[in-house]
Amino acid sequence: ELDGGEQGKIVKMMARAAILETFDGRWVVVP
């Protein structure tokens, strides 16, 4: 859970960002 409110399970870490998957199935791209 980030300070900005984004939370979820990290499913992928890329060169520019990480992808969080929430429990409702949405993907959140976090730099």
PDB file of all heavy atoms in Angstrom:
ATOM      1  N   GLU A   1       0.862  -1.183   0.000  1.00  0.00           N
ATOM      2  CA  GLU A   1       0.000   0.000   0.000  1.00  0.00           C
ATOM      3  C   GLU A   1       0.891   1.224   0.000  1.00  0.00           C
ATOM      4  O   GLU A   1       1.758   1.368   0.877  1.00  0.00           O
ATOM      5  CB  GLU A   1      -0.921   0.019   1.216  1.00  0.00           C
ATOM      6  CG  GLU A   1      -1.829   1.246   1.256  1.00  0.00           C
ATOM      7  CD  GLU A   1      -2.732   1.266   2.474  1.00  0.00           C
ATOM      8  OE1 GLU A   1      -2.714   0.282   3.244  1.00  0.00           O
ATOM      9  OE2 GLU A   1      -3.447   2.272   2.668  1.00  0.00           O
ATOM     10  N   LEU A   2       0.718   2.092  -0.993  1.00  0.00           N
ATOM     11  CA  LEU A   2       1.540   3.280  -1.117  1.00  0.00           C
ATOM     12  C   LEU A   2       0.907   4.455  -0.395  1.00  0.00           C
ATOM     13  O   LEU A   2      -0.285   4.428  -0.060  1.00  0.00           O
ATOM     14  CB  LEU A   2       1.768   3.632  -2.586  1.00  0.00           C
ATOM     15  CG  LEU A   2       2.934   2.894  -3.284  1.00  0.00           C
ATOM     16  CD1 LEU A   2       2.620   1.408  -3.446  1.00  0.00           C
ATOM     17  CD2 LEU A   2       3.258   3.510  -4.626  1.00  0.00           C
ATOM     18  N   ASP A   3       1.721   5.482  -0.186  1.00  0.00           N
ATOM     19  CA  ASP A   3       1.253   6.659   0.540  1.00  0.00           C
ATOM     20  C   ASP A   3       0.133   7.364  -0.217  1.00  0.00           C
ATOM     21  O   ASP A   3      -0.684   8.059   0.382  1.00  0.00           O
ATOM     22  CB  ASP A   3       2.431   7.618   0.769  1.00  0.00           C
ATOM     23  CG  ASP A   3       2.220   8.504   1.978  1.00  0.00           C
ATOM     24  OD1 ASP A   3       1.373   8.150   2.812  1.00  0.00           O
ATOM     25  OD2 ASP A   3       2.886   9.543   2.085  1.00  0.00           O
ATOM     26  N   GLY A   4       0.098   7.202  -1.523  1.00  0.00           N
ATOM     27  CA  GLY A   4      -0.940   7.840  -2.311  1.00  0.00           C
ATOM     28  C   GLY A   4      -2.258   7.099  -2.308  1.00  0.00           C
ATOM     29  O   GLY A   4      -3.215   7.538  -2.953  1.00  0.00           O
ATOM     30  N   GLY A   5      -2.339   5.960  -1.636  1.00  0.00           N
ATOM     31  CA  GLY A   5      -3.566   5.196  -1.559  1.00  0.00           C
ATOM     32  C   GLY A   5      -3.600   3.982  -2.465  1.00  0.00           C
ATOM     33  O   GLY A   5      -4.494   3.141  -2.338  1.00  0.00           O
ATOM     34  N   GLU A   6      -2.667   3.869  -3.389  1.00  0.00           N
ATOM     35  CA  GLU A   6      -2.653   2.698  -4.274  1.00  0.00           C
ATOM     36  C   GLU A   6      -2.261   1.464  -3.468  1.00  0.00           C
ATOM     37  O   GLU A   6      -1.299   1.478  -2.696  1.00  0.00           O
ATOM     38  CB  GLU A   6      -1.663   2.893  -5.424  1.00  0.00           C
ATOM     39  CG  GLU A   6      -1.910   4.100  -6.298  1.00  0.00           C
ATOM     40  CD  GLU A   6      -1.211   5.346  -5.776  1.00  0.00           C
ATOM     41  OE1 GLU A   6      -0.674   5.272  -4.653  1.00  0.00           O
ATOM     42  OE2 GLU A   6      -1.219   6.369  -6.478  1.00  0.00           O
ATOM     43  N   GLN A   7      -2.980   0.375  -3.664  1.00  0.00           N
ATOM     44  CA  GLN A   7      -2.661  -0.863  -2.979  1.00  0.00           C
ATOM     45  C   GLN A   7      -3.052  -2.040  -3.850  1.00  0.00           C
ATOM     46  O   GLN A   7      -3.961  -1.962  -4.674  1.00  0.00           O
ATOM     47  CB  GLN A   7      -3.359  -0.938  -1.622  1.00  0.00           C
ATOM     48  CG  GLN A   7      -4.879  -0.883  -1.673  1.00  0.00           C
ATOM     49  CD  GLN A   7      -5.475  -1.004  -0.296  1.00  0.00           C
ATOM     50  OE1 GLN A   7      -4.883  -1.614   0.594  1.00  0.00           O
ATOM     51  NE2 GLN A   7      -6.648  -0.425  -0.086  1.00  0.00           N
ATOM     52  N   GLY A   8      -2.324  -3.116  -3.678  1.00  0.00           N
ATOM     53  CA  GLY A   8      -2.578  -4.315  -4.457  1.00  0.00           C
ATOM     54  C   GLY A   8      -1.365  -5.227  -4.418  1.00  0.00           C
ATOM     55  O   GLY A   8      -0.333  -4.926  -3.801  1.00  0.00           O
ATOM     56  N   LYS A   9      -1.488  -6.360  -5.086  1.00  0.00           N
ATOM     57  CA  LYS A   9      -0.408  -7.342  -5.172  1.00  0.00           C
ATOM     58  C   LYS A   9       0.462  -7.034  -6.386  1.00  0.00           C
ATOM     59  O   LYS A   9      -0.041  -6.829  -7.486  1.00  0.00           O
ATOM     60  CB  LYS A   9      -1.003  -8.744  -5.293  1.00  0.00           C
ATOM     61  CG  LYS A   9       0.026  -9.853  -5.378  1.00  0.00           C
ATOM     62  CD  LYS A   9      -0.658 -11.202  -5.511  1.00  0.00           C
ATOM     63  CE  LYS A   9       0.360 -12.327  -5.634  1.00  0.00           C
ATOM     64  NZ  LYS A   9      -0.306 -13.642  -5.777  1.00  0.00           N
ATOM     65  N   ILE A  10       1.779  -7.005  -6.178  1.00  0.00           N
ATOM     66  CA  ILE A  10       2.712  -6.734  -7.280  1.00  0.00           C
ATOM     67  C   ILE A  10       2.755  -7.970  -8.178  1.00  0.00           C
ATOM     68  O   ILE A  10       3.186  -9.039  -7.748  1.00  0.00           O
ATOM     69  CB  ILE A  10       4.119  -6.390  -6.765  1.00  0.00           C
ATOM     70  CG1 ILE A  10       4.072  -5.166  -5.841  1.00  0.00           C
ATOM     71  CG2 ILE A  10       5.069  -6.131  -7.923  1.00  0.00           C
ATOM     72  CD1 ILE A  10       5.411  -4.815  -5.231  1.00  0.00           C
ATOM     73  N   VAL A  11       2.306  -7.827  -9.409  1.00  0.00           N
ATOM     74  CA  VAL A  11       2.295  -8.951 -10.353  1.00  0.00           C
ATOM     75  C   VAL A  11       3.398  -8.838 -11.395  1.00  0.00           C
ATOM     76  O   VAL A  11       3.736  -9.825 -12.039  1.00  0.00           O
ATOM     77  CB  VAL A  11       0.923  -9.060 -11.054  1.00  0.00           C
ATOM     78  CG1 VAL A  11      -0.151  -9.403 -10.043  1.00  0.00           C
ATOM     79  CG2 VAL A  11       0.560  -7.775 -11.778  1.00  0.00           C
ATOM     80  N   LYS A  12       3.960  -7.644 -11.576  1.00  0.00           N
ATOM     81  CA  LYS A  12       5.019  -7.487 -12.572  1.00  0.00           C
ATOM     82  C   LYS A  12       5.841  -6.246 -12.215  1.00  0.00           C
ATOM     83  O   LYS A  12       5.286  -5.216 -11.837  1.00  0.00           O
ATOM     84  CB  LYS A  12       4.437  -7.351 -13.979  1.00  0.00           C
ATOM     85  CG  LYS A  12       5.483  -7.284 -15.088  1.00  0.00           C
ATOM     86  CD  LYS A  12       4.817  -7.114 -16.448  1.00  0.00           C
ATOM     87  CE  LYS A  12       3.984  -8.325 -16.827  1.00  0.00           C
ATOM     88  NZ  LYS A  12       3.444  -8.205 -18.200  1.00  0.00           N
ATOM     89  N   MET A  13       7.166  -6.376 -12.340  1.00  0.00           N
ATOM     90  CA  MET A  13       8.066  -5.240 -12.138  1.00  0.00           C
ATOM     91  C   MET A  13       8.843  -5.024 -13.429  1.00  0.00           C
ATOM     92  O   MET A  13       9.560  -5.915 -13.886  1.00  0.00           O
ATOM     93  CB  MET A  13       9.007  -5.482 -10.962  1.00  0.00           C
ATOM     94  CG  MET A  13       8.304  -5.636  -9.624  1.00  0.00           C
ATOM     95  SD  MET A  13       9.404  -5.638  -8.204  1.00  0.00           S
ATOM     96  CE  MET A  13       9.888  -3.902  -8.171  1.00  0.00           C
ATOM     97  N   MET A  14       8.670  -3.840 -14.015  1.00  0.00           N
ATOM     98  CA  MET A  14       9.304  -3.520 -15.284  1.00  0.00           C
ATOM     99  C   MET A  14      10.346  -2.433 -15.074  1.00  0.00           C
ATOM    100  O   MET A  14      10.587  -1.977 -13.949  1.00  0.00           O
ATOM    101  CB  MET A  14       8.236  -3.088 -16.294  1.00  0.00           C
ATOM    102  CG  MET A  14       7.168  -4.155 -16.537  1.00  0.00           C
ATOM    103  SD  MET A  14       5.880  -3.612 -17.679  1.00  0.00           S
ATOM    104  CE  MET A  14       5.105  -2.333 -16.705  1.00  0.00           C
ATOM    105  N   ALA A  15      10.983  -2.036 -16.167  1.00  0.00           N
ATOM    106  CA  ALA A  15      12.050  -1.041 -16.062  1.00  0.00           C
ATOM    107  C   ALA A  15      11.520   0.305 -15.601  1.00  0.00           C
ATOM    108  O   ALA A  15      12.206   1.033 -14.884  1.00  0.00           O
ATOM    109  CB  ALA A  15      12.762  -0.899 -17.411  1.00  0.00           C
ATOM    110  N   ARG A  16      10.288   0.655 -15.971  1.00  0.00           N
ATOM    111  CA  ARG A  16       9.760   1.988 -15.648  1.00  0.00           C
ATOM    112  C   ARG A  16       8.763   1.974 -14.502  1.00  0.00           C
ATOM    113  O   ARG A  16       8.669   2.931 -13.741  1.00  0.00           O
ATOM    114  CB  ARG A  16       9.086   2.588 -16.892  1.00  0.00           C
ATOM    115  CG  ARG A  16       8.666   4.036 -16.732  1.00  0.00           C
ATOM    116  CD  ARG A  16       7.769   4.473 -17.866  1.00  0.00           C
ATOM    117  NE  ARG A  16       6.503   3.757 -17.878  1.00  0.00           N
ATOM    118  CZ  ARG A  16       5.454   4.111 -17.138  1.00  0.00           C
ATOM    119  NH1 ARG A  16       5.525   5.141 -16.316  1.00  0.00           N
ATOM    120  NH2 ARG A  16       4.326   3.415 -17.212  1.00  0.00           N
ATOM    121  N   ALA A  17       8.008   0.907 -14.353  1.00  0.00           N
ATOM    122  CA  ALA A  17       6.938   0.910 -13.372  1.00  0.00           C
ATOM    123  C   ALA A  17       6.669  -0.508 -12.885  1.00  0.00           C
ATOM    124  O   ALA A  17       7.172  -1.490 -13.442  1.00  0.00           O
ATOM    125  CB  ALA A  17       5.661   1.511 -13.978  1.00  0.00           C
ATOM    126  N   ALA A  18       5.887  -0.573 -11.808  1.00  0.00           N
ATOM    127  CA  ALA A  18       5.405  -1.845 -11.277  1.00  0.00           C
ATOM    128  C   ALA A  18       3.894  -1.902 -11.464  1.00  0.00           C
ATOM    129  O   ALA A  18       3.218  -0.871 -11.446  1.00  0.00           O
ATOM    130  CB  ALA A  18       5.769  -1.997  -9.800  1.00  0.00           C
ATOM    131  N   ILE A  19       3.371  -3.092 -11.652  1.00  0.00           N
ATOM    132  CA  ILE A  19       1.936  -3.279 -11.850  1.00  0.00           C
ATOM    133  C   ILE A  19       1.357  -3.944 -10.617  1.00  0.00           C
ATOM    134  O   ILE A  19       1.795  -5.024 -10.207  1.00  0.00           O
ATOM    135  CB  ILE A  19       1.655  -4.125 -13.104  1.00  0.00           C
ATOM    136  CG1 ILE A  19       2.142  -3.385 -14.351  1.00  0.00           C
ATOM    137  CG2 ILE A  19       0.168  -4.417 -13.229  1.00  0.00           C
ATOM    138  CD1 ILE A  19       1.917  -4.145 -15.631  1.00  0.00           C
ATOM    139  N   LEU A  20       0.385  -3.274  -9.999  1.00  0.00           N
ATOM    140  CA  LEU A  20      -0.324  -3.818  -8.852  1.00  0.00           C
ATOM    141  C   LEU A  20      -1.685  -4.343  -9.311  1.00  0.00           C
ATOM    142  O   LEU A  20      -2.378  -3.674 -10.080  1.00  0.00           O
ATOM    143  CB  LEU A  20      -0.537  -2.747  -7.776  1.00  0.00           C
ATOM    144  CG  LEU A  20       0.679  -1.937  -7.316  1.00  0.00           C
ATOM    145  CD1 LEU A  20       0.279  -0.983  -6.213  1.00  0.00           C
ATOM    146  CD2 LEU A  20       1.791  -2.850  -6.861  1.00  0.00           C
ATOM    147  N   GLU A  21      -2.058  -5.500  -8.834  1.00  0.00           N
ATOM    148  CA  GLU A  21      -3.368  -6.070  -9.128  1.00  0.00           C
ATOM    149  C   GLU A  21      -4.216  -6.013  -7.865  1.00  0.00           C
ATOM    150  O   GLU A  21      -3.870  -6.609  -6.843  1.00  0.00           O
ATOM    151  CB  GLU A  21      -3.254  -7.509  -9.611  1.00  0.00           C
ATOM    152  CG  GLU A  21      -4.601  -8.104 -10.016  1.00  0.00           C
ATOM    153  CD  GLU A  21      -4.468  -9.515 -10.545  1.00  0.00           C
ATOM    154  OE1 GLU A  21      -3.408 -10.124 -10.361  1.00  0.00           O
ATOM    155  OE2 GLU A  21      -5.442 -10.012 -11.142  1.00  0.00           O
ATOM    156  N   THR A  22      -5.314  -5.288  -7.933  1.00  0.00           N
ATOM    157  CA  THR A  22      -6.205  -5.185  -6.786  1.00  0.00           C
ATOM    158  C   THR A  22      -7.078  -6.428  -6.684  1.00  0.00           C
ATOM    159  O   THR A  22      -7.155  -7.233  -7.618  1.00  0.00           O
ATOM    160  CB  THR A  22      -7.079  -3.927  -6.906  1.00  0.00           C
ATOM    161  OG1 THR A  22      -7.906  -4.042  -8.067  1.00  0.00           O
ATOM    162  CG2 THR A  22      -6.220  -2.680  -7.041  1.00  0.00           C
ATOM    163  N   PHE A  23      -7.780  -6.554  -5.548  1.00  0.00           N
ATOM    164  CA  PHE A  23      -8.621  -7.733  -5.353  1.00  0.00           C
ATOM    165  C   PHE A  23      -9.852  -7.727  -6.236  1.00  0.00           C
ATOM    166  O   PHE A  23     -10.492  -8.761  -6.423  1.00  0.00           O
ATOM    167  CB  PHE A  23      -9.035  -7.842  -3.885  1.00  0.00           C
ATOM    168  CG  PHE A  23      -7.945  -8.374  -3.004  1.00  0.00           C
ATOM    169  CD1 PHE A  23      -7.418  -7.593  -1.999  1.00  0.00           C
ATOM    170  CD2 PHE A  23      -7.446  -9.647  -3.187  1.00  0.00           C
ATOM    171  CE1 PHE A  23      -6.408  -8.080  -1.184  1.00  0.00           C
ATOM    172  CE2 PHE A  23      -6.435 -10.143  -2.378  1.00  0.00           C
ATOM    173  CZ  PHE A  23      -5.917  -9.351  -1.373  1.00  0.00           C
ATOM    174  N   ASP A  24     -10.185  -6.561  -6.785  1.00  0.00           N
ATOM    175  CA  ASP A  24     -11.323  -6.524  -7.714  1.00  0.00           C
ATOM    176  C   ASP A  24     -10.886  -6.679  -9.170  1.00  0.00           C
ATOM    177  O   ASP A  24     -11.667  -6.439 -10.081  1.00  0.00           O
ATOM    178  CB  ASP A  24     -12.132  -5.232  -7.540  1.00  0.00           C
ATOM    179  CG  ASP A  24     -11.274  -3.980  -7.669  1.00  0.00           C
ATOM    180  OD1 ASP A  24     -10.067  -4.131  -7.941  1.00  0.00           O
ATOM    181  OD2 ASP A  24     -11.810  -2.870  -7.503  1.00  0.00           O
ATOM    182  N   GLY A  25      -9.627  -7.094  -9.379  1.00  0.00           N
ATOM    183  CA  GLY A  25      -9.164  -7.439 -10.715  1.00  0.00           C
ATOM    184  C   GLY A  25      -8.576  -6.302 -11.519  1.00  0.00           C
ATOM    185  O   GLY A  25      -8.180  -6.521 -12.668  1.00  0.00           O
ATOM    186  N   ARG A  26      -8.495  -5.108 -10.977  1.00  0.00           N
ATOM    187  CA  ARG A  26      -7.940  -3.986 -11.738  1.00  0.00           C
ATOM    188  C   ARG A  26      -6.424  -3.954 -11.611  1.00  0.00           C
ATOM    189  O   ARG A  26      -5.864  -4.328 -10.578  1.00  0.00           O
ATOM    190  CB  ARG A  26      -8.531  -2.661 -11.241  1.00  0.00           C
ATOM    191  CG  ARG A  26     -10.019  -2.517 -11.523  1.00  0.00           C
ATOM    192  CD  ARG A  26     -10.519  -1.155 -11.049  1.00  0.00           C
ATOM    193  NE  ARG A  26     -11.906  -0.928 -11.416  1.00  0.00           N
ATOM    194  CZ  ARG A  26     -12.940  -1.284 -10.682  1.00  0.00           C
ATOM    195  NH1 ARG A  26     -12.736  -1.894  -9.513  1.00  0.00           N
ATOM    196  NH2 ARG A  26     -14.173  -1.049 -11.080  1.00  0.00           N
ATOM    197  N   TRP A  27      -5.773  -3.488 -12.660  1.00  0.00           N
ATOM    198  CA  TRP A  27      -4.317  -3.316 -12.661  1.00  0.00           C
ATOM    199  C   TRP A  27      -4.000  -1.837 -12.480  1.00  0.00           C
ATOM    200  O   TRP A  27      -4.538  -0.990 -13.192  1.00  0.00           O
ATOM    201  CB  TRP A  27      -3.714  -3.840 -13.958  1.00  0.00           C
ATOM    202  CG  TRP A  27      -3.522  -5.323 -13.960  1.00  0.00           C
ATOM    203  CD1 TRP A  27      -4.179  -6.244 -13.192  1.00  0.00           C
ATOM    204  CD2 TRP A  27      -2.612  -6.069 -14.765  1.00  0.00           C
ATOM    205  NE1 TRP A  27      -3.753  -7.509 -13.455  1.00  0.00           N
ATOM    206  CE2 TRP A  27      -2.785  -7.439 -14.418  1.00  0.00           C
ATOM    207  CE3 TRP A  27      -1.680  -5.733 -15.730  1.00  0.00           C
ATOM    208  CZ2 TRP A  27      -2.048  -8.448 -15.014  1.00  0.00           C
ATOM    209  CZ3 TRP A  27      -0.946  -6.740 -16.333  1.00  0.00           C
ATOM    210  CH2 TRP A  27      -1.128  -8.086 -15.974  1.00  0.00           C
ATOM    211  N   VAL A  28      -3.109  -1.553 -11.547  1.00  0.00           N
ATOM    212  CA  VAL A  28      -2.680  -0.188 -11.266  1.00  0.00           C
ATOM    213  C   VAL A  28      -1.195  -0.086 -11.598  1.00  0.00           C
ATOM    214  O   VAL A  28      -0.379  -0.836 -11.051  1.00  0.00           O
ATOM    215  CB  VAL A  28      -2.928   0.194  -9.789  1.00  0.00           C
ATOM    216  CG1 VAL A  28      -2.505   1.635  -9.535  1.00  0.00           C
ATOM    217  CG2 VAL A  28      -4.390  -0.007  -9.417  1.00  0.00           C
ATOM    218  N   VAL A  29      -0.854   0.821 -12.518  1.00  0.00           N
ATOM    219  CA  VAL A  29       0.540   1.028 -12.908  1.00  0.00           C
ATOM    220  C   VAL A  29       1.122   2.113 -12.007  1.00  0.00           C
ATOM    221  O   VAL A  29       0.661   3.251 -12.010  1.00  0.00           O
ATOM    222  CB  VAL A  29       0.645   1.432 -14.393  1.00  0.00           C
ATOM    223  CG1 VAL A  29       2.104   1.644 -14.773  1.00  0.00           C
ATOM    224  CG2 VAL A  29       0.008   0.364 -15.278  1.00  0.00           C
ATOM    225  N   VAL A  30       2.132   1.750 -11.232  1.00  0.00           N
ATOM    226  CA  VAL A  30       2.751   2.663 -10.269  1.00  0.00           C
ATOM    227  C   VAL A  30       4.194   2.886 -10.688  1.00  0.00           C
ATOM    228  O   VAL A  30       4.960   1.923 -10.815  1.00  0.00           O
ATOM    229  CB  VAL A  30       2.689   2.086  -8.843  1.00  0.00           C
ATOM    230  CG1 VAL A  30       3.333   3.050  -7.860  1.00  0.00           C
ATOM    231  CG2 VAL A  30       1.250   1.794  -8.449  1.00  0.00           C
ATOM    232  N   PRO A  31       4.625   4.139 -10.931  1.00  0.00           N
ATOM    233  CA  PRO A  31       6.025   4.398 -11.277  1.00  0.00           C
ATOM    234  C   PRO A  31       6.960   3.911 -10.172  1.00  0.00           C
ATOM    235  O   PRO A  31       6.641   3.995  -8.975  1.00  0.00           O
ATOM    236  CB  PRO A  31       6.077   5.928 -11.432  1.00  0.00           C
ATOM    237  CG  PRO A  31       4.668   6.330 -11.720  1.00  0.00           C
ATOM    238  CD  PRO A  31       3.806   5.364 -10.966  1.00  0.00           C
TER     239      PRO A  31
END
